[in-house]
Amino acid sequence: MTKLENSFTPFTTKWDAWRSAGETYVDRAQDAENRYLEIARTLGWSEDKAPEASRDVSERGGEDNIWDDDSATNKRSGDGGMGNFVSTVTHEDTAVSKLSSLAISGNVQGLQSFLDENPRVDVNQPDENGYTPLHLASDRGQLAVVELLLKRGADPDIKDSDNFTAAELAQIAGHDDVLTLLTSV
């Protein structure tokens, strides 16, 4: 076995675990809930245990206090204490998130439409986890999405935050058709 075959990425491992759990408990919601509660109990949770009350700000530490001081929050009647806020999400962040979602889902038509409507979007921009849309599609075995991304300029040599290329992720996940395509470019 190669070093690559012995390696794993947290992304692939999480995906495999969620897929396995979904297959295990399909049409058995009560069994899934019981298993969840069982795991929670082993971690110290109890149905009859009340949630811990929030500690007073003064108990939370001195100058290096990372907790918000609720008394400093501008609270006005009817706004739920949230005050005014402005979203700091940029168009680029939204585009990256949209590309990631489309790549994961395998929605080729949606991806095609999004890229046509946003011709200047960077298909090589990594998301907050360090994965490009090509990494995500390759890991999930979305062959048609991989083909489209390559046609739109996706770089198969970019490495993710774990130092893997899209081809390496496809190999680890066992998507031979995607691996063949990526190694032929």
N, C-alpha and C. Protein backbone atom coordinates (compact mmCIF):
# COMPACT_ATOMS: atom_id res chain seq x y z
N MET A 1 0.83 -1.19 0.00
CA MET A 1 0.00 0.00 0.00
C MET A 1 0.87 1.24 0.00
N THR A 2 0.49 2.23 -0.78
CA THR A 2 1.25 3.47 -0.83
C THR A 2 0.90 4.35 0.35
N LYS A 3 1.74 5.36 0.56
CA LYS A 3 1.48 6.32 1.62
C LYS A 3 0.12 6.99 1.40
N LEU A 4 -0.19 7.28 0.14
CA LEU A 4 -1.46 7.91 -0.20
C LEU A 4 -2.63 7.02 0.18
N GLU A 5 -2.51 5.74 -0.09
CA GLU A 5 -3.60 4.83 0.22
C GLU A 5 -3.78 4.68 1.73
N ASN A 6 -2.72 4.85 2.49
CA ASN A 6 -2.82 4.79 3.94
C ASN A 6 -3.32 6.10 4.53
N SER A 7 -3.25 7.16 3.75
CA SER A 7 -3.66 8.48 4.22
C SER A 7 -5.17 8.62 4.16
N PHE A 8 -5.65 9.61 4.86
CA PHE A 8 -7.06 9.96 4.77
C PHE A 8 -7.18 11.44 5.03
N THR A 9 -8.28 12.00 4.57
CA THR A 9 -8.54 13.39 4.88
C THR A 9 -9.74 13.42 5.80
N PRO A 10 -9.78 14.39 6.71
CA PRO A 10 -10.94 14.51 7.58
C PRO A 10 -12.22 14.68 6.76
N PHE A 11 -12.12 15.37 5.63
CA PHE A 11 -13.29 15.61 4.79
C PHE A 11 -13.87 14.28 4.30
N THR A 12 -13.02 13.43 3.74
CA THR A 12 -13.46 12.15 3.20
C THR A 12 -13.98 11.26 4.32
N THR A 13 -13.30 11.23 5.43
CA THR A 13 -13.70 10.40 6.55
C THR A 13 -15.07 10.82 7.08
N LYS A 14 -15.28 12.14 7.24
CA LYS A 14 -16.58 12.62 7.71
C LYS A 14 -17.68 12.24 6.73
N TRP A 15 -17.40 12.44 5.44
CA TRP A 15 -18.40 12.12 4.42
C TRP A 15 -18.76 10.63 4.48
N ASP A 16 -17.77 9.78 4.57
CA ASP A 16 -18.01 8.34 4.64
C ASP A 16 -18.81 7.98 5.88
N ALA A 17 -18.50 8.62 7.02
CA ALA A 17 -19.23 8.34 8.26
C ALA A 17 -20.69 8.76 8.15
N TRP A 18 -20.94 9.96 7.60
CA TRP A 18 -22.32 10.42 7.44
C TRP A 18 -23.09 9.53 6.46
N ARG A 19 -22.43 9.15 5.36
CA ARG A 19 -23.09 8.28 4.38
C ARG A 19 -23.43 6.93 5.00
N SER A 20 -22.51 6.38 5.76
CA SER A 20 -22.74 5.09 6.41
C SER A 20 -23.88 5.18 7.42
N ALA A 21 -23.89 6.26 8.21
CA ALA A 21 -24.97 6.44 9.19
C ALA A 21 -26.31 6.57 8.48
N GLY A 22 -26.32 7.30 7.37
CA GLY A 22 -27.56 7.46 6.62
C GLY A 22 -28.07 6.13 6.08
N GLU A 23 -27.15 5.30 5.60
CA GLU A 23 -27.53 3.99 5.08
C GLU A 23 -27.97 3.06 6.21
N THR A 24 -27.34 3.18 7.36
CA THR A 24 -27.67 2.32 8.50
C THR A 24 -29.07 2.60 9.02
N TYR A 25 -29.44 3.88 9.11
CA TYR A 25 -30.70 4.25 9.75
C TYR A 25 -31.79 4.71 8.79
N VAL A 26 -31.63 4.42 7.50
CA VAL A 26 -32.65 4.82 6.55
C VAL A 26 -34.00 4.20 6.95
N ASP A 27 -35.04 5.02 7.00
CA ASP A 27 -36.40 4.60 7.39
C ASP A 27 -36.47 4.07 8.82
N ARG A 28 -35.49 4.42 9.66
CA ARG A 28 -35.50 3.97 11.06
C ARG A 28 -35.16 5.15 11.96
N ALA A 29 -35.98 6.19 11.89
CA ALA A 29 -35.70 7.42 12.64
C ALA A 29 -35.63 7.18 14.14
N GLN A 30 -36.49 6.34 14.68
CA GLN A 30 -36.49 6.08 16.12
C GLN A 30 -35.19 5.41 16.55
N ASP A 31 -34.69 4.47 15.74
CA ASP A 31 -33.41 3.83 16.05
C ASP A 31 -32.27 4.85 16.02
N ALA A 32 -32.31 5.76 15.06
CA ALA A 32 -31.28 6.79 14.96
C ALA A 32 -31.31 7.69 16.19
N GLU A 33 -32.52 8.09 16.61
CA GLU A 33 -32.65 8.93 17.79
C GLU A 33 -32.14 8.20 19.03
N ASN A 34 -32.50 6.94 19.18
CA ASN A 34 -32.04 6.15 20.33
C ASN A 34 -30.52 6.05 20.36
N ARG A 35 -29.90 5.84 19.19
CA ARG A 35 -28.45 5.74 19.13
C ARG A 35 -27.81 7.08 19.48
N TYR A 36 -28.39 8.17 19.01
CA TYR A 36 -27.89 9.50 19.34
C TYR A 36 -27.94 9.74 20.85
N LEU A 37 -29.06 9.40 21.46
CA LEU A 37 -29.19 9.57 22.91
C LEU A 37 -28.21 8.69 23.67
N GLU A 38 -28.00 7.49 23.18
CA GLU A 38 -27.04 6.58 23.81
C GLU A 38 -25.63 7.19 23.80
N ILE A 39 -25.24 7.74 22.66
CA ILE A 39 -23.92 8.36 22.55
C ILE A 39 -23.84 9.58 23.46
N ALA A 40 -24.90 10.40 23.49
CA ALA A 40 -24.92 11.59 24.35
C ALA A 40 -24.77 11.20 25.81
N ARG A 41 -25.43 10.14 26.22
CA ARG A 41 -25.33 9.69 27.62
C ARG A 41 -23.91 9.24 27.96
N THR A 42 -23.24 8.58 27.01
CA THR A 42 -21.86 8.16 27.29
C THR A 42 -20.93 9.36 27.41
N LEU A 43 -21.35 10.51 26.89
CA LEU A 43 -20.55 11.72 26.98
C LEU A 43 -20.95 12.58 28.19
N GLY A 44 -21.85 12.05 29.03
CA GLY A 44 -22.21 12.75 30.27
C GLY A 44 -23.53 13.49 30.25
N TRP A 45 -24.27 13.42 29.16
CA TRP A 45 -25.56 14.10 29.09
C TRP A 45 -26.62 13.27 29.79
N SER A 46 -27.57 13.93 30.40
CA SER A 46 -28.67 13.24 31.06
C SER A 46 -29.96 14.03 30.84
N GLU A 47 -31.06 13.30 30.62
CA GLU A 47 -32.35 13.96 30.38
C GLU A 47 -32.79 14.80 31.59
N ASP A 48 -32.49 14.34 32.79
CA ASP A 48 -32.96 15.03 33.98
C ASP A 48 -31.99 16.10 34.48
N LYS A 49 -30.90 16.29 33.79
CA LYS A 49 -29.90 17.28 34.18
C LYS A 49 -30.22 18.60 33.49
N ALA A 50 -30.45 19.64 34.28
CA ALA A 50 -30.76 20.96 33.72
C ALA A 50 -29.51 21.55 33.10
N PRO A 51 -29.67 22.32 32.04
CA PRO A 51 -28.50 22.98 31.45
C PRO A 51 -27.85 23.91 32.48
N GLU A 52 -26.52 24.02 32.40
CA GLU A 52 -25.81 24.90 33.33
C GLU A 52 -26.19 26.34 33.04
N ALA A 53 -26.41 27.09 34.12
CA ALA A 53 -26.73 28.51 33.98
C ALA A 53 -25.47 29.25 33.53
N SER A 54 -25.67 30.29 32.77
CA SER A 54 -24.55 31.10 32.30
C SER A 54 -23.88 31.77 33.49
N ARG A 55 -22.56 31.75 33.49
CA ARG A 55 -21.82 32.40 34.58
C ARG A 55 -21.85 33.90 34.41
N ASP A 56 -21.74 34.61 35.51
CA ASP A 56 -21.69 36.05 35.51
C ASP A 56 -20.43 36.51 34.78
N VAL A 57 -20.51 37.64 34.09
CA VAL A 57 -19.38 38.17 33.35
C VAL A 57 -18.16 38.32 34.24
N SER A 58 -18.36 38.75 35.48
CA SER A 58 -17.23 38.97 36.38
C SER A 58 -16.51 37.68 36.72
N GLU A 59 -17.17 36.53 36.57
CA GLU A 59 -16.54 35.23 36.85
C GLU A 59 -15.73 34.73 35.68
N ARG A 60 -15.82 35.38 34.54
CA ARG A 60 -15.26 34.83 33.31
C ARG A 60 -13.81 35.21 33.07
N GLY A 61 -13.21 36.00 33.89
CA GLY A 61 -11.79 36.30 33.69
C GLY A 61 -11.51 37.78 33.66
N GLY A 62 -10.24 38.11 33.74
CA GLY A 62 -9.78 39.48 33.84
C GLY A 62 -9.66 40.16 32.49
N GLU A 63 -8.48 40.77 32.26
CA GLU A 63 -8.27 41.56 31.05
C GLU A 63 -8.37 40.75 29.77
N ASP A 64 -8.03 39.48 29.83
CA ASP A 64 -8.07 38.63 28.64
C ASP A 64 -9.45 38.02 28.43
N ASN A 65 -10.45 38.61 29.03
CA ASN A 65 -11.82 38.13 28.95
C ASN A 65 -12.29 38.10 27.49
N ILE A 66 -12.65 36.91 27.00
CA ILE A 66 -13.13 36.78 25.63
C ILE A 66 -14.64 36.84 25.53
N TRP A 67 -15.33 36.90 26.67
CA TRP A 67 -16.78 36.88 26.69
C TRP A 67 -17.33 38.28 26.45
N ASP A 68 -18.44 38.35 25.74
CA ASP A 68 -19.10 39.63 25.53
C ASP A 68 -19.73 40.10 26.83
N ASP A 69 -19.70 41.37 27.08
CA ASP A 69 -20.37 41.95 28.23
C ASP A 69 -21.76 42.36 27.77
N ASP A 70 -22.78 41.60 28.20
CA ASP A 70 -24.14 41.86 27.75
C ASP A 70 -24.63 43.26 28.11
N SER A 71 -24.05 43.85 29.17
CA SER A 71 -24.50 45.19 29.56
C SER A 71 -24.09 46.23 28.54
N ALA A 72 -23.10 45.92 27.72
CA ALA A 72 -22.63 46.87 26.71
C ALA A 72 -23.42 46.78 25.41
N THR A 73 -24.30 45.79 25.30
CA THR A 73 -25.08 45.60 24.08
C THR A 73 -26.19 46.64 24.02
N ASN A 74 -26.35 47.24 22.88
CA ASN A 74 -27.39 48.23 22.68
C ASN A 74 -28.72 47.50 22.55
N LYS A 75 -29.54 47.57 23.58
CA LYS A 75 -30.83 46.88 23.55
C LYS A 75 -31.94 47.91 23.42
N ARG A 76 -32.75 47.74 22.40
CA ARG A 76 -33.90 48.61 22.19
C ARG A 76 -35.14 47.75 22.16
N SER A 77 -36.22 48.32 22.55
CA SER A 77 -37.49 47.60 22.57
C SER A 77 -37.83 47.10 21.17
N GLY A 78 -38.17 45.83 21.08
CA GLY A 78 -38.65 45.26 19.84
C GLY A 78 -37.57 44.69 18.93
N ASP A 79 -36.28 44.89 19.24
CA ASP A 79 -35.27 44.34 18.34
C ASP A 79 -34.62 43.08 18.88
N GLY A 80 -35.13 42.55 19.99
CA GLY A 80 -34.60 41.31 20.54
C GLY A 80 -33.19 41.45 21.08
N GLY A 81 -32.72 42.70 21.30
CA GLY A 81 -31.40 42.90 21.87
C GLY A 81 -30.27 42.75 20.88
N MET A 82 -30.58 42.55 19.63
CA MET A 82 -29.53 42.33 18.64
C MET A 82 -28.94 43.62 18.12
N GLY A 83 -29.66 44.71 18.19
CA GLY A 83 -29.15 45.97 17.67
C GLY A 83 -29.03 45.92 16.16
N ASN A 84 -28.44 46.95 15.59
CA ASN A 84 -28.24 47.00 14.15
C ASN A 84 -27.03 46.16 13.78
N PHE A 85 -27.06 45.55 12.62
CA PHE A 85 -25.91 44.81 12.15
C PHE A 85 -25.83 44.90 10.65
N VAL A 86 -24.64 44.68 10.14
CA VAL A 86 -24.41 44.71 8.70
C VAL A 86 -23.71 43.41 8.33
N SER A 87 -24.18 42.75 7.31
CA SER A 87 -23.55 41.51 6.87
C SER A 87 -22.21 41.83 6.24
N THR A 88 -21.21 40.99 6.55
CA THR A 88 -19.89 41.19 5.97
C THR A 88 -19.56 40.13 4.95
N VAL A 89 -20.55 39.34 4.54
CA VAL A 89 -20.32 38.33 3.52
C VAL A 89 -20.12 39.03 2.19
N THR A 90 -19.05 38.69 1.53
CA THR A 90 -18.77 39.33 0.25
C THR A 90 -19.35 38.51 -0.88
N HIS A 91 -19.41 39.12 -2.06
CA HIS A 91 -19.90 38.40 -3.23
C HIS A 91 -19.02 37.19 -3.52
N GLU A 92 -17.70 37.36 -3.32
CA GLU A 92 -16.77 36.26 -3.59
C GLU A 92 -17.04 35.08 -2.65
N ASP A 93 -17.27 35.37 -1.36
CA ASP A 93 -17.57 34.31 -0.41
C ASP A 93 -18.84 33.57 -0.82
N THR A 94 -19.85 34.32 -1.25
CA THR A 94 -21.11 33.73 -1.67
C THR A 94 -20.89 32.86 -2.91
N ALA A 95 -20.09 33.34 -3.85
CA ALA A 95 -19.82 32.58 -5.07
C ALA A 95 -19.09 31.29 -4.75
N VAL A 96 -18.09 31.36 -3.87
CA VAL A 96 -17.34 30.17 -3.49
C VAL A 96 -18.26 29.16 -2.81
N SER A 97 -19.11 29.64 -1.92
CA SER A 97 -20.06 28.77 -1.23
C SER A 97 -21.02 28.11 -2.21
N LYS A 98 -21.51 28.88 -3.17
CA LYS A 98 -22.43 28.36 -4.18
C LYS A 98 -21.73 27.31 -5.04
N LEU A 99 -20.51 27.61 -5.47
CA LEU A 99 -19.74 26.64 -6.27
C LEU A 99 -19.52 25.35 -5.49
N SER A 100 -19.17 25.48 -4.22
CA SER A 100 -18.95 24.31 -3.38
C SER A 100 -20.21 23.46 -3.28
N SER A 101 -21.32 24.09 -3.04
CA SER A 101 -22.60 23.36 -2.92
C SER A 101 -22.96 22.64 -4.21
N LEU A 102 -22.79 23.32 -5.33
CA LEU A 102 -23.11 22.71 -6.62
C LEU A 102 -22.16 21.56 -6.93
N ALA A 103 -20.89 21.71 -6.58
CA ALA A 103 -19.91 20.65 -6.83
C ALA A 103 -20.23 19.41 -6.00
N ILE A 104 -20.57 19.62 -4.75
CA ILE A 104 -20.89 18.50 -3.85
C ILE A 104 -22.15 17.77 -4.30
N SER A 105 -23.16 18.54 -4.69
CA SER A 105 -24.46 17.94 -5.05
C SER A 105 -24.44 17.24 -6.41
N GLY A 106 -23.48 17.60 -7.24
CA GLY A 106 -23.44 17.01 -8.58
C GLY A 106 -24.40 17.66 -9.54
N ASN A 107 -24.87 18.85 -9.22
CA ASN A 107 -25.84 19.57 -10.03
C ASN A 107 -25.15 20.24 -11.21
N VAL A 108 -24.97 19.49 -12.29
CA VAL A 108 -24.25 19.98 -13.46
C VAL A 108 -24.99 21.14 -14.11
N GLN A 109 -26.31 21.01 -14.27
CA GLN A 109 -27.09 22.09 -14.90
C GLN A 109 -27.01 23.36 -14.08
N GLY A 110 -27.15 23.23 -12.76
CA GLY A 110 -27.06 24.40 -11.88
C GLY A 110 -25.68 25.03 -11.94
N LEU A 111 -24.66 24.19 -11.96
CA LEU A 111 -23.28 24.69 -12.05
C LEU A 111 -23.05 25.41 -13.38
N GLN A 112 -23.53 24.80 -14.46
CA GLN A 112 -23.40 25.41 -15.79
C GLN A 112 -24.07 26.78 -15.81
N SER A 113 -25.29 26.85 -15.29
CA SER A 113 -26.02 28.13 -15.25
C SER A 113 -25.29 29.16 -14.40
N PHE A 114 -24.82 28.74 -13.23
CA PHE A 114 -24.12 29.67 -12.34
C PHE A 114 -22.85 30.21 -13.00
N LEU A 115 -22.09 29.34 -13.64
CA LEU A 115 -20.87 29.79 -14.31
C LEU A 115 -21.17 30.68 -15.50
N ASP A 116 -22.26 30.40 -16.22
CA ASP A 116 -22.65 31.25 -17.34
C ASP A 116 -23.07 32.64 -16.86
N GLU A 117 -23.77 32.69 -15.72
CA GLU A 117 -24.22 33.96 -15.16
C GLU A 117 -23.10 34.73 -14.47
N ASN A 118 -22.04 34.03 -14.08
CA ASN A 118 -20.92 34.64 -13.35
C ASN A 118 -19.61 34.26 -14.03
N PRO A 119 -19.38 34.77 -15.25
CA PRO A 119 -18.22 34.33 -16.02
C PRO A 119 -16.87 34.67 -15.40
N ARG A 120 -16.84 35.62 -14.47
CA ARG A 120 -15.55 36.00 -13.88
C ARG A 120 -15.29 35.31 -12.54
N VAL A 121 -16.16 34.41 -12.12
CA VAL A 121 -15.94 33.72 -10.85
C VAL A 121 -14.72 32.80 -10.98
N ASP A 122 -13.93 32.73 -9.93
CA ASP A 122 -12.71 31.93 -9.92
C ASP A 122 -13.03 30.51 -9.48
N VAL A 123 -13.00 29.57 -10.42
CA VAL A 123 -13.32 28.17 -10.10
C VAL A 123 -12.20 27.51 -9.29
N ASN A 124 -11.07 28.20 -9.13
CA ASN A 124 -9.96 27.66 -8.36
C ASN A 124 -9.86 28.24 -6.95
N GLN A 125 -10.83 29.09 -6.58
CA GLN A 125 -10.83 29.71 -5.26
C GLN A 125 -11.24 28.66 -4.21
N PRO A 126 -10.38 28.40 -3.22
CA PRO A 126 -10.75 27.42 -2.18
C PRO A 126 -11.81 27.99 -1.23
N ASP A 127 -12.59 27.10 -0.65
CA ASP A 127 -13.58 27.51 0.34
C ASP A 127 -12.91 27.68 1.70
N GLU A 128 -13.71 27.91 2.73
CA GLU A 128 -13.16 28.17 4.06
C GLU A 128 -12.41 26.96 4.64
N ASN A 129 -12.61 25.79 4.05
CA ASN A 129 -11.92 24.58 4.51
C ASN A 129 -10.71 24.24 3.65
N GLY A 130 -10.43 25.06 2.64
CA GLY A 130 -9.27 24.85 1.79
C GLY A 130 -9.51 23.96 0.59
N TYR A 131 -10.79 23.68 0.26
CA TYR A 131 -11.13 22.83 -0.87
C TYR A 131 -11.66 23.66 -2.03
N THR A 132 -11.17 23.38 -3.23
CA THR A 132 -11.74 24.00 -4.42
C THR A 132 -12.96 23.18 -4.84
N PRO A 133 -13.80 23.71 -5.72
CA PRO A 133 -14.92 22.91 -6.22
C PRO A 133 -14.45 21.60 -6.85
N LEU A 134 -13.29 21.62 -7.50
CA LEU A 134 -12.75 20.40 -8.11
C LEU A 134 -12.40 19.35 -7.05
N HIS A 135 -11.83 19.78 -5.94
CA HIS A 135 -11.55 18.85 -4.83
C HIS A 135 -12.85 18.20 -4.35
N LEU A 136 -13.87 19.02 -4.15
CA LEU A 136 -15.14 18.54 -3.61
C LEU A 136 -15.82 17.56 -4.56
N ALA A 137 -15.87 17.92 -5.83
CA ALA A 137 -16.51 17.06 -6.84
C ALA A 137 -15.74 15.75 -6.99
N SER A 138 -14.42 15.82 -6.95
CA SER A 138 -13.59 14.63 -7.10
C SER A 138 -13.77 13.68 -5.91
N ASP A 139 -13.81 14.25 -4.72
CA ASP A 139 -13.99 13.46 -3.50
C ASP A 139 -15.35 12.76 -3.49
N ARG A 140 -16.36 13.40 -4.07
CA ARG A 140 -17.71 12.85 -4.09
C ARG A 140 -17.99 11.99 -5.32
N GLY A 141 -17.06 11.95 -6.26
CA GLY A 141 -17.26 11.12 -7.45
C GLY A 141 -18.20 11.74 -8.46
N GLN A 142 -18.28 13.05 -8.52
CA GLN A 142 -19.18 13.76 -9.43
C GLN A 142 -18.47 13.98 -10.77
N LEU A 143 -18.42 12.92 -11.59
CA LEU A 143 -17.66 12.94 -12.84
C LEU A 143 -18.07 14.08 -13.78
N ALA A 144 -19.36 14.26 -13.99
CA ALA A 144 -19.83 15.31 -14.92
C ALA A 144 -19.45 16.70 -14.42
N VAL A 145 -19.48 16.90 -13.10
CA VAL A 145 -19.08 18.19 -12.53
C VAL A 145 -17.59 18.39 -12.72
N VAL A 146 -16.79 17.34 -12.50
CA VAL A 146 -15.34 17.42 -12.70
C VAL A 146 -15.05 17.81 -14.15
N GLU A 147 -15.73 17.17 -15.10
CA GLU A 147 -15.53 17.50 -16.52
C GLU A 147 -15.83 18.96 -16.80
N LEU A 148 -16.95 19.45 -16.29
CA LEU A 148 -17.34 20.85 -16.51
C LEU A 148 -16.33 21.80 -15.87
N LEU A 149 -15.92 21.52 -14.66
CA LEU A 149 -14.96 22.39 -13.99
C LEU A 149 -13.63 22.45 -14.74
N LEU A 150 -13.18 21.31 -15.25
CA LEU A 150 -11.94 21.28 -16.03
C LEU A 150 -12.08 22.13 -17.29
N LYS A 151 -13.24 22.02 -17.96
CA LYS A 151 -13.48 22.83 -19.16
C LYS A 151 -13.50 24.32 -18.84
N ARG A 152 -13.90 24.66 -17.61
CA ARG A 152 -13.99 26.06 -17.19
C ARG A 152 -12.71 26.56 -16.53
N GLY A 153 -11.63 25.76 -16.61
CA GLY A 153 -10.34 26.25 -16.13
C GLY A 153 -9.91 25.77 -14.76
N ALA A 154 -10.59 24.81 -14.20
CA ALA A 154 -10.17 24.29 -12.88
C ALA A 154 -8.79 23.65 -13.01
N ASP A 155 -7.92 23.96 -12.06
CA ASP A 155 -6.55 23.47 -12.07
C ASP A 155 -6.46 22.18 -11.25
N PRO A 156 -6.20 21.04 -11.91
CA PRO A 156 -6.14 19.77 -11.18
C PRO A 156 -4.90 19.61 -10.30
N ASP A 157 -3.95 20.52 -10.41
CA ASP A 157 -2.72 20.42 -9.63
C ASP A 157 -2.77 21.17 -8.30
N ILE A 158 -3.84 21.92 -8.05
CA ILE A 158 -3.96 22.64 -6.78
C ILE A 158 -4.12 21.63 -5.65
N LYS A 159 -3.42 21.89 -4.55
CA LYS A 159 -3.51 21.00 -3.38
C LYS A 159 -4.43 21.63 -2.34
N ASP A 160 -5.18 20.77 -1.64
CA ASP A 160 -6.06 21.25 -0.59
C ASP A 160 -5.27 21.51 0.69
N SER A 161 -5.97 21.84 1.77
CA SER A 161 -5.29 22.17 3.02
C SER A 161 -4.57 20.97 3.63
N ASP A 162 -4.88 19.77 3.17
CA ASP A 162 -4.20 18.56 3.64
C ASP A 162 -3.13 18.11 2.66
N ASN A 163 -2.85 18.96 1.66
CA ASN A 163 -1.81 18.73 0.66
C ASN A 163 -2.16 17.63 -0.35
N PHE A 164 -3.46 17.48 -0.66
CA PHE A 164 -3.91 16.51 -1.66
C PHE A 164 -4.45 17.23 -2.89
N THR A 165 -4.19 16.66 -4.05
CA THR A 165 -4.78 17.15 -5.29
C THR A 165 -6.16 16.51 -5.44
N ALA A 166 -6.91 16.98 -6.41
CA ALA A 166 -8.23 16.41 -6.69
C ALA A 166 -8.09 14.94 -7.09
N ALA A 167 -7.06 14.61 -7.86
CA ALA A 167 -6.85 13.21 -8.28
C ALA A 167 -6.58 12.32 -7.07
N GLU A 168 -5.79 12.82 -6.14
CA GLU A 168 -5.49 12.03 -4.94
C GLU A 168 -6.75 11.81 -4.10
N LEU A 169 -7.60 12.82 -4.01
CA LEU A 169 -8.86 12.66 -3.28
C LEU A 169 -9.76 11.63 -3.97
N ALA A 170 -9.81 11.68 -5.29
CA ALA A 170 -10.61 10.70 -6.05
C ALA A 170 -10.07 9.29 -5.82
N GLN A 171 -8.75 9.15 -5.79
CA GLN A 171 -8.14 7.84 -5.57
C GLN A 171 -8.47 7.32 -4.18
N ILE A 172 -8.32 8.16 -3.16
CA ILE A 172 -8.61 7.76 -1.79
C ILE A 172 -10.07 7.33 -1.65
N ALA A 173 -10.96 8.08 -2.30
CA ALA A 173 -12.40 7.79 -2.20
C ALA A 173 -12.84 6.65 -3.11
N GLY A 174 -11.95 6.16 -3.96
CA GLY A 174 -12.28 5.03 -4.83
C GLY A 174 -13.09 5.39 -6.05
N HIS A 175 -12.96 6.61 -6.53
CA HIS A 175 -13.69 7.05 -7.73
C HIS A 175 -12.76 6.94 -8.93
N ASP A 176 -12.63 5.72 -9.45
CA ASP A 176 -11.67 5.44 -10.53
C ASP A 176 -11.95 6.23 -11.80
N ASP A 177 -13.24 6.44 -12.13
CA ASP A 177 -13.57 7.18 -13.35
C ASP A 177 -13.10 8.64 -13.24
N VAL A 178 -13.26 9.23 -12.07
CA VAL A 178 -12.80 10.60 -11.86
C VAL A 178 -11.26 10.64 -11.88
N LEU A 179 -10.64 9.66 -11.25
CA LEU A 179 -9.18 9.58 -11.22
C LEU A 179 -8.62 9.47 -12.64
N THR A 180 -9.24 8.62 -13.46
CA THR A 180 -8.79 8.45 -14.84
C THR A 180 -8.88 9.77 -15.60
N LEU A 181 -9.98 10.47 -15.45
CA LEU A 181 -10.15 11.76 -16.12
C LEU A 181 -9.09 12.76 -15.66
N LEU A 182 -8.90 12.86 -14.35
CA LEU A 182 -7.96 13.85 -13.82
C LEU A 182 -6.50 13.55 -14.18
N THR A 183 -6.16 12.29 -14.32
CA THR A 183 -4.78 11.95 -14.65
C THR A 183 -4.52 12.01 -16.16
N SER A 184 -5.59 12.18 -16.94
CA SER A 184 -5.43 12.27 -18.39
C SER A 184 -5.33 13.71 -18.88
N VAL A 185 -5.51 14.68 -17.98
CA VAL A 185 -5.43 16.09 -18.39
C VAL A 185 -4.03 16.60 -18.37
